[in-house]
Amino acid sequence: SPRNYVMRLAREKASAIAVDPRRIVLGADTAVVVEGEILGKPSSA
């Protein structure tokens, strides 16, 4: 689902950064959804 998709990517981005316990990593990902289709960044004009 689009919601699970962006949450998974946010988790993967945050998990990709190794930090010490005094830090919090913020990962985020955004998708535009129309009629169930996830629109990411365009690949071309």
PDB file of all heavy atoms in Angstrom:
ATOM      1  N   SER A   1       0.842  -1.195   0.000  1.00  0.00           N
ATOM      2  CA  SER A   1       0.000   0.000   0.000  1.00  0.00           C
ATOM      3  C   SER A   1       0.876   1.243   0.000  1.00  0.00           C
ATOM      4  O   SER A   1       2.031   1.200   0.458  1.00  0.00           O
ATOM      5  CB  SER A   1      -0.907   0.015   1.239  1.00  0.00           C
ATOM      6  OG  SER A   1      -0.157   0.333   2.400  1.00  0.00           O
ATOM      7  N   PRO A   2       0.370   2.375  -0.512  1.00  0.00           N
ATOM      8  CA  PRO A   2       1.165   3.616  -0.499  1.00  0.00           C
ATOM      9  C   PRO A   2       1.643   3.995   0.903  1.00  0.00           C
ATOM     10  O   PRO A   2       2.790   4.410   1.083  1.00  0.00           O
ATOM     11  CB  PRO A   2       0.203   4.653  -1.073  1.00  0.00           C
ATOM     12  CG  PRO A   2      -0.700   3.868  -1.972  1.00  0.00           C
ATOM     13  CD  PRO A   2      -0.892   2.558  -1.247  1.00  0.00           C
ATOM     14  N   ARG A   3       0.786   3.865   1.909  1.00  0.00           N
ATOM     15  CA  ARG A   3       1.178   4.210   3.286  1.00  0.00           C
ATOM     16  C   ARG A   3       2.313   3.310   3.771  1.00  0.00           C
ATOM     17  O   ARG A   3       3.303   3.789   4.331  1.00  0.00           O
ATOM     18  CB  ARG A   3      -0.041   4.108   4.201  1.00  0.00           C
ATOM     19  CG  ARG A   3       0.246   4.491   5.644  1.00  0.00           C
ATOM     20  CD  ARG A   3      -1.034   4.399   6.491  1.00  0.00           C
ATOM     21  NE  ARG A   3      -0.776   4.596   7.883  1.00  0.00           N
ATOM     22  CZ  ARG A   3      -0.741   5.771   8.495  1.00  0.00           C
ATOM     23  NH1 ARG A   3      -0.983   6.877   7.816  1.00  0.00           N
ATOM     24  NH2 ARG A   3      -0.490   5.845   9.782  1.00  0.00           N
ATOM     25  N   ASN A   4       2.186   2.004   3.560  1.00  0.00           N
ATOM     26  CA  ASN A   4       3.246   1.086   3.973  1.00  0.00           C
ATOM     27  C   ASN A   4       4.535   1.340   3.196  1.00  0.00           C
ATOM     28  O   ASN A   4       5.628   1.206   3.736  1.00  0.00           O
ATOM     29  CB  ASN A   4       2.802  -0.361   3.809  1.00  0.00           C
ATOM     30  CG  ASN A   4       1.771  -0.759   4.849  1.00  0.00           C
ATOM     31  OD1 ASN A   4       1.602  -0.103   5.873  1.00  0.00           O
ATOM     32  ND2 ASN A   4       1.046  -1.836   4.575  1.00  0.00           N
ATOM     33  N   TYR A   5       4.399   1.704   1.934  1.00  0.00           N
ATOM     34  CA  TYR A   5       5.549   2.003   1.077  1.00  0.00           C
ATOM     35  C   TYR A   5       6.378   3.155   1.650  1.00  0.00           C
ATOM     36  O   TYR A   5       7.585   3.024   1.844  1.00  0.00           O
ATOM     37  CB  TYR A   5       5.043   2.329  -0.335  1.00  0.00           C
ATOM     38  CG  TYR A   5       6.047   2.958  -1.258  1.00  0.00           C
ATOM     39  CD1 TYR A   5       7.120   2.238  -1.764  1.00  0.00           C
ATOM     40  CD2 TYR A   5       5.913   4.288  -1.641  1.00  0.00           C
ATOM     41  CE1 TYR A   5       8.036   2.820  -2.625  1.00  0.00           C
ATOM     42  CE2 TYR A   5       6.822   4.879  -2.502  1.00  0.00           C
ATOM     43  CZ  TYR A   5       7.882   4.145  -2.989  1.00  0.00           C
ATOM     44  OH  TYR A   5       8.800   4.735  -3.840  1.00  0.00           O
ATOM     45  N   VAL A   6       5.737   4.302   1.942  1.00  0.00           N
ATOM     46  CA  VAL A   6       6.506   5.452   2.433  1.00  0.00           C
ATOM     47  C   VAL A   6       7.045   5.202   3.834  1.00  0.00           C
ATOM     48  O   VAL A   6       8.149   5.666   4.170  1.00  0.00           O
ATOM     49  CB  VAL A   6       5.707   6.779   2.361  1.00  0.00           C
ATOM     50  CG1 VAL A   6       5.413   7.152   0.916  1.00  0.00           C
ATOM     51  CG2 VAL A   6       4.446   6.751   3.200  1.00  0.00           C
ATOM     52  N   MET A   7       6.322   4.453   4.656  1.00  0.00           N
ATOM     53  CA  MET A   7       6.829   4.140   5.998  1.00  0.00           C
ATOM     54  C   MET A   7       8.032   3.195   5.908  1.00  0.00           C
ATOM     55  O   MET A   7       9.003   3.344   6.650  1.00  0.00           O
ATOM     56  CB  MET A   7       5.715   3.573   6.876  1.00  0.00           C
ATOM     57  CG  MET A   7       4.675   4.622   7.224  1.00  0.00           C
ATOM     58  SD  MET A   7       3.454   4.202   8.505  1.00  0.00           S
ATOM     59  CE  MET A   7       3.120   2.495   8.303  1.00  0.00           C
ATOM     60  N   ARG A   8       7.984   2.240   4.992  1.00  0.00           N
ATOM     61  CA  ARG A   8       9.131   1.327   4.806  1.00  0.00           C
ATOM     62  C   ARG A   8      10.368   2.101   4.348  1.00  0.00           C
ATOM     63  O   ARG A   8      11.463   1.913   4.879  1.00  0.00           O
ATOM     64  CB  ARG A   8       8.794   0.234   3.785  1.00  0.00           C
ATOM     65  CG  ARG A   8      10.001  -0.686   3.485  1.00  0.00           C
ATOM     66  CD  ARG A   8       9.669  -1.766   2.484  1.00  0.00           C
ATOM     67  NE  ARG A   8       9.181  -1.309   1.208  1.00  0.00           N
ATOM     68  CZ  ARG A   8       9.947  -0.884   0.195  1.00  0.00           C
ATOM     69  NH1 ARG A   8      11.265  -0.833   0.330  1.00  0.00           N
ATOM     70  NH2 ARG A   8       9.402  -0.517  -0.955  1.00  0.00           N
ATOM     71  N   LEU A   9      10.184   2.998   3.365  1.00  0.00           N
ATOM     72  CA  LEU A   9      11.334   3.767   2.875  1.00  0.00           C
ATOM     73  C   LEU A   9      11.890   4.682   3.961  1.00  0.00           C
ATOM     74  O   LEU A   9      13.116   4.824   4.088  1.00  0.00           O
ATOM     75  CB  LEU A   9      10.959   4.568   1.632  1.00  0.00           C
ATOM     76  CG  LEU A   9      10.668   3.747   0.373  1.00  0.00           C
ATOM     77  CD1 LEU A   9      10.387   4.666  -0.814  1.00  0.00           C
ATOM     78  CD2 LEU A   9      11.804   2.801   0.041  1.00  0.00           C
ATOM     79  N   ALA A  10      11.021   5.308   4.753  1.00  0.00           N
ATOM     80  CA  ALA A  10      11.486   6.161   5.853  1.00  0.00           C
ATOM     81  C   ALA A  10      12.311   5.338   6.842  1.00  0.00           C
ATOM     82  O   ALA A  10      13.380   5.764   7.302  1.00  0.00           O
ATOM     83  CB  ALA A  10      10.289   6.814   6.550  1.00  0.00           C
ATOM     84  N   ARG A  11      11.825   4.132   7.160  1.00  0.00           N
ATOM     85  CA  ARG A  11      12.542   3.244   8.082  1.00  0.00           C
ATOM     86  C   ARG A  11      13.899   2.843   7.491  1.00  0.00           C
ATOM     87  O   ARG A  11      14.915   2.851   8.192  1.00  0.00           O
ATOM     88  CB  ARG A  11      11.701   1.999   8.369  1.00  0.00           C
ATOM     89  CG  ARG A  11      12.296   1.078   9.425  1.00  0.00           C
ATOM     90  CD  ARG A  11      11.453  -0.185   9.682  1.00  0.00           C
ATOM     91  NE  ARG A  11      10.054   0.077   9.937  1.00  0.00           N
ATOM     92  CZ  ARG A  11       9.052  -0.150   9.062  1.00  0.00           C
ATOM     93  NH1 ARG A  11       9.309  -0.642   7.859  1.00  0.00           N
ATOM     94  NH2 ARG A  11       7.807   0.097   9.383  1.00  0.00           N
ATOM     95  N   GLU A  12      13.917   2.504   6.203  1.00  0.00           N
ATOM     96  CA  GLU A  12      15.182   2.102   5.575  1.00  0.00           C
ATOM     97  C   GLU A  12      16.175   3.257   5.544  1.00  0.00           C
ATOM     98  O   GLU A  12      17.375   3.057   5.770  1.00  0.00           O
ATOM     99  CB  GLU A  12      14.921   1.579   4.159  1.00  0.00           C
ATOM    100  CG  GLU A  12      14.259   0.214   4.151  1.00  0.00           C
ATOM    101  CD  GLU A  12      13.966  -0.315   2.749  1.00  0.00           C
ATOM    102  OE1 GLU A  12      14.406   0.291   1.753  1.00  0.00           O
ATOM    103  OE2 GLU A  12      13.276  -1.343   2.645  1.00  0.00           O
ATOM    104  N   LYS A  13      15.701   4.460   5.272  1.00  0.00           N
ATOM    105  CA  LYS A  13      16.599   5.630   5.265  1.00  0.00           C
ATOM    106  C   LYS A  13      17.167   5.884   6.655  1.00  0.00           C
ATOM    107  O   LYS A  13      18.366   6.133   6.805  1.00  0.00           O
ATOM    108  CB  LYS A  13      15.856   6.869   4.760  1.00  0.00           C
ATOM    109  CG  LYS A  13      15.562   6.825   3.273  1.00  0.00           C
ATOM    110  CD  LYS A  13      14.762   8.046   2.835  1.00  0.00           C
ATOM    111  CE  LYS A  13      14.450   7.984   1.345  1.00  0.00           C
ATOM    112  NZ  LYS A  13      13.721   9.196   0.895  1.00  0.00           N
ATOM    113  N   ALA A  14      16.304   5.839   7.671  1.00  0.00           N
ATOM    114  CA  ALA A  14      16.771   6.068   9.042  1.00  0.00           C
ATOM    115  C   ALA A  14      17.730   4.970   9.492  1.00  0.00           C
ATOM    116  O   ALA A  14      18.720   5.247  10.175  1.00  0.00           O
ATOM    117  CB  ALA A  14      15.577   6.162   9.996  1.00  0.00           C
ATOM    118  N   SER A  15      17.463   3.742   9.100  1.00  0.00           N
ATOM    119  CA  SER A  15      18.304   2.608   9.499  1.00  0.00           C
ATOM    120  C   SER A  15      19.655   2.614   8.806  1.00  0.00           C
ATOM    121  O   SER A  15      20.603   1.978   9.284  1.00  0.00           O
ATOM    122  CB  SER A  15      17.581   1.289   9.207  1.00  0.00           C
ATOM    123  OG  SER A  15      16.392   1.201   9.953  1.00  0.00           O
ATOM    124  N   ALA A  16      19.762   3.324   7.698  1.00  0.00           N
ATOM    125  CA  ALA A  16      21.011   3.354   6.938  1.00  0.00           C
ATOM    126  C   ALA A  16      22.076   4.231   7.591  1.00  0.00           C
ATOM    127  O   ALA A  16      23.234   4.195   7.199  1.00  0.00           O
ATOM    128  CB  ALA A  16      20.741   3.850   5.512  1.00  0.00           C
ATOM    129  N   ILE A  17      21.681   4.998   8.601  1.00  0.00           N
ATOM    130  CA  ILE A  17      22.615   5.902   9.264  1.00  0.00           C
ATOM    131  C   ILE A  17      22.968   5.338  10.638  1.00  0.00           C
ATOM    132  O   ILE A  17      22.100   5.182  11.494  1.00  0.00           O
ATOM    133  CB  ILE A  17      21.981   7.312   9.444  1.00  0.00           C
ATOM    134  CG1 ILE A  17      21.492   7.873   8.104  1.00  0.00           C
ATOM    135  CG2 ILE A  17      22.936   8.256  10.137  1.00  0.00           C
ATOM    136  CD1 ILE A  17      22.580   8.123   7.096  1.00  0.00           C
ATOM    137  N   ALA A  18      24.251   5.050  10.838  1.00  0.00           N
ATOM    138  CA  ALA A  18      24.712   4.555  12.139  1.00  0.00           C
ATOM    139  C   ALA A  18      24.970   5.760  13.042  1.00  0.00           C
ATOM    140  O   ALA A  18      25.689   6.684  12.668  1.00  0.00           O
ATOM    141  CB  ALA A  18      25.991   3.745  11.958  1.00  0.00           C
ATOM    142  N   VAL A  19      24.353   5.746  14.216  1.00  0.00           N
ATOM    143  CA  VAL A  19      24.521   6.874  15.143  1.00  0.00           C
ATOM    144  C   VAL A  19      24.768   6.366  16.550  1.00  0.00           C
ATOM    145  O   VAL A  19      24.447   5.224  16.891  1.00  0.00           O
ATOM    146  CB  VAL A  19      23.282   7.802  15.153  1.00  0.00           C
ATOM    147  CG1 VAL A  19      23.073   8.441  13.802  1.00  0.00           C
ATOM    148  CG2 VAL A  19      22.047   7.075  15.597  1.00  0.00           C
ATOM    149  N   ASP A  20      25.303   7.259  17.386  1.00  0.00           N
ATOM    150  CA  ASP A  20      25.465   6.902  18.790  1.00  0.00           C
ATOM    151  C   ASP A  20      24.148   7.157  19.523  1.00  0.00           C
ATOM    152  O   ASP A  20      23.242   7.796  18.984  1.00  0.00           O
ATOM    153  CB  ASP A  20      26.651   7.664  19.407  1.00  0.00           C
ATOM    154  CG  ASP A  20      26.413   9.155  19.494  1.00  0.00           C
ATOM    155  OD1 ASP A  20      25.361   9.571  20.026  1.00  0.00           O
ATOM    156  OD2 ASP A  20      27.291   9.931  19.055  1.00  0.00           O
ATOM    157  N   PRO A  21      23.998   6.637  20.721  1.00  0.00           N
ATOM    158  CA  PRO A  21      22.718   6.710  21.440  1.00  0.00           C
ATOM    159  C   PRO A  21      22.240   8.128  21.761  1.00  0.00           C
ATOM    160  O   PRO A  21      21.088   8.332  22.105  1.00  0.00           O
ATOM    161  CB  PRO A  21      22.980   5.935  22.739  1.00  0.00           C
ATOM    162  CG  PRO A  21      24.199   5.131  22.487  1.00  0.00           C
ATOM    163  CD  PRO A  21      24.984   5.840  21.432  1.00  0.00           C
ATOM    164  N   ARG A  22      23.106   9.106  21.684  1.00  0.00           N
ATOM    165  CA  ARG A  22      22.694  10.486  21.976  1.00  0.00           C
ATOM    166  C   ARG A  22      22.025  11.153  20.784  1.00  0.00           C
ATOM    167  O   ARG A  22      21.628  12.297  20.864  1.00  0.00           O
ATOM    168  CB  ARG A  22      23.907  11.310  22.407  1.00  0.00           C
ATOM    169  CG  ARG A  22      24.540  10.834  23.697  1.00  0.00           C
ATOM    170  CD  ARG A  22      25.762  11.642  23.993  1.00  0.00           C
ATOM    171  NE  ARG A  22      26.649  11.625  22.842  1.00  0.00           N
ATOM    172  CZ  ARG A  22      27.923  11.237  22.879  1.00  0.00           C
ATOM    173  NH1 ARG A  22      28.460  10.844  23.995  1.00  0.00           N
ATOM    174  NH2 ARG A  22      28.662  11.252  21.786  1.00  0.00           N
ATOM    175  N   ARG A  23      21.900  10.432  19.700  1.00  0.00           N
ATOM    176  CA  ARG A  23      21.305  11.006  18.492  1.00  0.00           C
ATOM    177  C   ARG A  23      20.043  10.261  18.091  1.00  0.00           C
ATOM    178  O   ARG A  23      19.883   9.077  18.362  1.00  0.00           O
ATOM    179  CB  ARG A  23      22.294  10.991  17.336  1.00  0.00           C
ATOM    180  CG  ARG A  23      23.453  11.935  17.564  1.00  0.00           C
ATOM    181  CD  ARG A  23      24.259  12.115  16.334  1.00  0.00           C
ATOM    182  NE  ARG A  23      25.255  13.164  16.564  1.00  0.00           N
ATOM    183  CZ  ARG A  23      26.056  13.614  15.641  1.00  0.00           C
ATOM    184  NH1 ARG A  23      26.016  13.124  14.420  1.00  0.00           N
ATOM    185  NH2 ARG A  23      26.920  14.557  15.911  1.00  0.00           N
ATOM    186  N   ILE A  24      19.166  10.994  17.396  1.00  0.00           N
ATOM    187  CA  ILE A  24      17.971  10.417  16.787  1.00  0.00           C
ATOM    188  C   ILE A  24      18.061  10.689  15.296  1.00  0.00           C
ATOM    189  O   ILE A  24      18.344  11.819  14.884  1.00  0.00           O
ATOM    190  CB  ILE A  24      16.682  11.054  17.349  1.00  0.00           C
ATOM    191  CG1 ILE A  24      16.523  10.730  18.832  1.00  0.00           C
ATOM    192  CG2 ILE A  24      15.460  10.561  16.574  1.00  0.00           C
ATOM    193  CD1 ILE A  24      15.333  11.412  19.485  1.00  0.00           C
ATOM    194  N   VAL A  25      17.844   9.664  14.505  1.00  0.00           N
ATOM    195  CA  VAL A  25      17.865   9.817  13.052  1.00  0.00           C
ATOM    196  C   VAL A  25      16.429   9.957  12.560  1.00  0.00           C
ATOM    197  O   VAL A  25      15.558   9.174  12.947  1.00  0.00           O
ATOM    198  CB  VAL A  25      18.541   8.610  12.363  1.00  0.00           C
ATOM    199  CG1 VAL A  25      18.521   8.793  10.839  1.00  0.00           C
ATOM    200  CG2 VAL A  25      19.968   8.444  12.853  1.00  0.00           C
ATOM    201  N   LEU A  26      16.197  10.943  11.715  1.00  0.00           N
ATOM    202  CA  LEU A  26      14.898  11.149  11.089  1.00  0.00           C
ATOM    203  C   LEU A  26      14.992  10.768   9.623  1.00  0.00           C
ATOM    204  O   LEU A  26      15.735  11.391   8.866  1.00  0.00           O
ATOM    205  CB  LEU A  26      14.455  12.610  11.213  1.00  0.00           C
ATOM    206  CG  LEU A  26      13.237  13.043  10.374  1.00  0.00           C
ATOM    207  CD1 LEU A  26      11.988  12.237  10.743  1.00  0.00           C
ATOM    208  CD2 LEU A  26      12.995  14.540  10.529  1.00  0.00           C
ATOM    209  N   GLY A  27      14.265   9.730   9.245  1.00  0.00           N
ATOM    210  CA  GLY A  27      14.128   9.344   7.844  1.00  0.00           C
ATOM    211  C   GLY A  27      12.729   9.699   7.384  1.00  0.00           C
ATOM    212  O   GLY A  27      11.781   9.630   8.168  1.00  0.00           O
ATOM    213  N   ALA A  28      12.588  10.104   6.138  1.00  0.00           N
ATOM    214  CA  ALA A  28      11.267  10.465   5.609  1.00  0.00           C
ATOM    215  C   ALA A  28      11.202  10.136   4.127  1.00  0.00           C
ATOM    216  O   ALA A  28      12.217  10.160   3.424  1.00  0.00           O
ATOM    217  CB  ALA A  28      10.989  11.955   5.825  1.00  0.00           C
ATOM    218  N   ASP A  29      10.002   9.833   3.681  1.00  0.00           N
ATOM    219  CA  ASP A  29       9.775   9.630   2.252  1.00  0.00           C
ATOM    220  C   ASP A  29       8.343  10.045   1.929  1.00  0.00           C
ATOM    221  O   ASP A  29       7.424   9.785   2.704  1.00  0.00           O
ATOM    222  CB  ASP A  29       9.992   8.173   1.845  1.00  0.00           C
ATOM    223  CG  ASP A  29      10.128   8.065   0.333  1.00  0.00           C
ATOM    224  OD1 ASP A  29      11.213   8.383  -0.187  1.00  0.00           O
ATOM    225  OD2 ASP A  29       9.134   7.703  -0.321  1.00  0.00           O
ATOM    226  N   THR A  30       8.178  10.689   0.778  1.00  0.00           N
ATOM    227  CA  THR A  30       6.881  11.225   0.371  1.00  0.00           C
ATOM    228  C   THR A  30       6.469  10.625  -0.964  1.00  0.00           C
ATOM    229  O   THR A  30       7.297  10.477  -1.869  1.00  0.00           O
ATOM    230  CB  THR A  30       6.948  12.763   0.235  1.00  0.00           C
ATOM    231  OG1 THR A  30       7.344  13.313   1.496  1.00  0.00           O
ATOM    232  CG2 THR A  30       5.611  13.355  -0.178  1.00  0.00           C
ATOM    233  N   ALA A  31       5.186  10.316  -1.076  1.00  0.00           N
ATOM    234  CA  ALA A  31       4.624   9.841  -2.349  1.00  0.00           C
ATOM    235  C   ALA A  31       3.316  10.573  -2.604  1.00  0.00           C
ATOM    236  O   ALA A  31       2.575  10.909  -1.680  1.00  0.00           O
ATOM    237  CB  ALA A  31       4.377   8.342  -2.313  1.00  0.00           C
ATOM    238  N   VAL A  32       3.069  10.808  -3.866  1.00  0.00           N
ATOM    239  CA  VAL A  32       1.784  11.345  -4.317  1.00  0.00           C
ATOM    240  C   VAL A  32       1.007  10.151  -4.861  1.00  0.00           C
ATOM    241  O   VAL A  32       1.557   9.327  -5.591  1.00  0.00           O
ATOM    242  CB  VAL A  32       2.002  12.426  -5.401  1.00  0.00           C
ATOM    243  CG1 VAL A  32       0.683  12.855  -6.024  1.00  0.00           C
ATOM    244  CG2 VAL A  32       2.735  13.626  -4.805  1.00  0.00           C
ATOM    245  N   VAL A  33      -0.265  10.062  -4.473  1.00  0.00           N
ATOM    246  CA  VAL A  33      -1.076   8.908  -4.857  1.00  0.00           C
ATOM    247  C   VAL A  33      -2.355   9.390  -5.528  1.00  0.00           C
ATOM    248  O   VAL A  33      -3.070  10.232  -4.979  1.00  0.00           O
ATOM    249  CB  VAL A  33      -1.441   8.046  -3.618  1.00  0.00           C
ATOM    250  CG1 VAL A  33      -2.245   6.832  -4.027  1.00  0.00           C
ATOM    251  CG2 VAL A  33      -0.189   7.643  -2.854  1.00  0.00           C
ATOM    252  N   VAL A  34      -2.620   8.866  -6.723  1.00  0.00           N
ATOM    253  CA  VAL A  34      -3.862   9.180  -7.424  1.00  0.00           C
ATOM    254  C   VAL A  34      -4.440   7.864  -7.940  1.00  0.00           C
ATOM    255  O   VAL A  34      -3.737   7.073  -8.573  1.00  0.00           O
ATOM    256  CB  VAL A  34      -3.656  10.219  -8.553  1.00  0.00           C
ATOM    257  CG1 VAL A  34      -2.708   9.734  -9.626  1.00  0.00           C
ATOM    258  CG2 VAL A  34      -4.962  10.672  -9.148  1.00  0.00           C
ATOM    259  N   GLU A  35      -5.672   7.614  -7.580  1.00  0.00           N
ATOM    260  CA  GLU A  35      -6.361   6.372  -7.943  1.00  0.00           C
ATOM    261  C   GLU A  35      -5.525   5.135  -7.641  1.00  0.00           C
ATOM    262  O   GLU A  35      -5.450   4.198  -8.435  1.00  0.00           O
ATOM    263  CB  GLU A  35      -6.771   6.401  -9.418  1.00  0.00           C
ATOM    264  CG  GLU A  35      -7.859   7.418  -9.714  1.00  0.00           C
ATOM    265  CD  GLU A  35      -8.396   7.304 -11.130  1.00  0.00           C
ATOM    266  OE1 GLU A  35      -7.951   6.440 -11.904  1.00  0.00           O
ATOM    267  OE2 GLU A  35      -9.291   8.103 -11.442  1.00  0.00           O
ATOM    268  N   GLY A  36      -4.859   5.142  -6.480  1.00  0.00           N
ATOM    269  CA  GLY A  36      -4.061   3.994  -6.054  1.00  0.00           C
ATOM    270  C   GLY A  36      -2.675   3.924  -6.658  1.00  0.00           C
ATOM    271  O   GLY A  36      -1.867   3.095  -6.248  1.00  0.00           O
ATOM    272  N   GLU A  37      -2.369   4.767  -7.645  1.00  0.00           N
ATOM    273  CA  GLU A  37      -1.039   4.749  -8.267  1.00  0.00           C
ATOM    274  C   GLU A  37      -0.094   5.658  -7.505  1.00  0.00           C
ATOM    275  O   GLU A  37      -0.403   6.827  -7.248  1.00  0.00           O
ATOM    276  CB  GLU A  37      -1.108   5.213  -9.724  1.00  0.00           C
ATOM    277  CG  GLU A  37       0.239   5.176 -10.415  1.00  0.00           C
ATOM    278  CD  GLU A  37       0.223   5.666 -11.863  1.00  0.00           C
ATOM    279  OE1 GLU A  37      -0.863   5.872 -12.422  1.00  0.00           O
ATOM    280  OE2 GLU A  37       1.330   5.846 -12.424  1.00  0.00           O
ATOM    281  N   ILE A  38       1.062   5.112  -7.133  1.00  0.00           N
ATOM    282  CA  ILE A  38       2.098   5.883  -6.449  1.00  0.00           C
ATOM    283  C   ILE A  38       2.899   6.640  -7.493  1.00  0.00           C
ATOM    284  O   ILE A  38       3.462   6.042  -8.419  1.00  0.00           O
ATOM    285  CB  ILE A  38       3.027   4.960  -5.632  1.00  0.00           C
ATOM    286  CG1 ILE A  38       2.240   4.242  -4.537  1.00  0.00           C
ATOM    287  CG2 ILE A  38       4.190   5.761  -5.051  1.00  0.00           C
ATOM    288  CD1 ILE A  38       3.018   3.151  -3.830  1.00  0.00           C
ATOM    289  N   LEU A  39       2.932   7.972  -7.341  1.00  0.00           N
ATOM    290  CA  LEU A  39       3.718   8.810  -8.242  1.00  0.00           C
ATOM    291  C   LEU A  39       4.957   9.279  -7.494  1.00  0.00           C
ATOM    292  O   LEU A  39       4.864  10.114  -6.594  1.00  0.00           O
ATOM    293  CB  LEU A  39       2.903  10.023  -8.711  1.00  0.00           C
ATOM    294  CG  LEU A  39       1.558   9.746  -9.394  1.00  0.00           C
ATOM    295  CD1 LEU A  39       0.896  11.057  -9.797  1.00  0.00           C
ATOM    296  CD2 LEU A  39       1.737   8.837 -10.592  1.00  0.00           C
ATOM    297  N   GLY A  40       6.086   8.763  -7.867  1.00  0.00           N
ATOM    298  CA  GLY A  40       7.349   9.205  -7.274  1.00  0.00           C
ATOM    299  C   GLY A  40       7.887  10.387  -8.057  1.00  0.00           C
ATOM    300  O   GLY A  40       7.135  11.153  -8.672  1.00  0.00           O
ATOM    301  N   LYS A  41       9.194  10.523  -8.075  1.00  0.00           N
ATOM    302  CA  LYS A  41       9.821  11.577  -8.867  1.00  0.00           C
ATOM    303  C   LYS A  41       9.794  11.150 -10.330  1.00  0.00           C
ATOM    304  O   LYS A  41      10.044   9.988 -10.648  1.00  0.00           O
ATOM    305  CB  LYS A  41      11.257  11.804  -8.418  1.00  0.00           C
ATOM    306  CG  LYS A  41      11.349  12.335  -7.004  1.00  0.00           C
ATOM    307  CD  LYS A  41      12.785  12.444  -6.539  1.00  0.00           C
ATOM    308  CE  LYS A  41      12.832  12.887  -5.096  1.00  0.00           C
ATOM    309  NZ  LYS A  41      14.202  12.874  -4.562  1.00  0.00           N
ATOM    310  N   PRO A  42       9.491  12.080 -11.235  1.00  0.00           N
ATOM    311  CA  PRO A  42       9.435  11.703 -12.651  1.00  0.00           C
ATOM    312  C   PRO A  42      10.808  11.308 -13.187  1.00  0.00           C
ATOM    313  O   PRO A  42      11.823  11.876 -12.802  1.00  0.00           O
ATOM    314  CB  PRO A  42       8.902  12.953 -13.341  1.00  0.00           C
ATOM    315  CG  PRO A  42       9.163  14.076 -12.402  1.00  0.00           C
ATOM    316  CD  PRO A  42       9.177  13.494 -11.019  1.00  0.00           C
ATOM    317  N   SER A  43      10.804  10.345 -14.085  1.00  0.00           N
ATOM    318  CA  SER A  43      12.055   9.868 -14.680  1.00  0.00           C
ATOM    319  C   SER A  43      12.455  10.678 -15.907  1.00  0.00           C
ATOM    320  O   SER A  43      13.590  10.587 -16.357  1.00  0.00           O
ATOM    321  CB  SER A  43      11.909   8.392 -15.058  1.00  0.00           C
ATOM    322  OG  SER A  43      10.836   8.228 -15.979  1.00  0.00           O
ATOM    323  N   SER A  44      11.506  11.457 -16.439  1.00  0.00           N
ATOM    324  CA  SER A  44      11.768  12.240 -17.649  1.00  0.00           C
ATOM    325  C   SER A  44      10.705  13.333 -17.755  1.00  0.00           C
ATOM    326  O   SER A  44       9.721  13.336 -17.013  1.00  0.00           O
ATOM    327  CB  SER A  44      11.688  11.343 -18.887  1.00  0.00           C
ATOM    328  OG  SER A  44      10.351  10.863 -19.038  1.00  0.00           O
ATOM    329  N   ALA A  45      10.888  14.227 -18.711  1.00  0.00           N
ATOM    330  CA  ALA A  45       9.882  15.270 -18.962  1.00  0.00           C
ATOM    331  C   ALA A  45       8.555  14.641 -19.386  1.00  0.00           C
ATOM    332  O   ALA A  45       7.480  15.102 -18.971  1.00  0.00           O
ATOM    333  CB  ALA A  45      10.388  16.249 -20.023  1.00  0.00           C
TER     334      ALA A  45
END
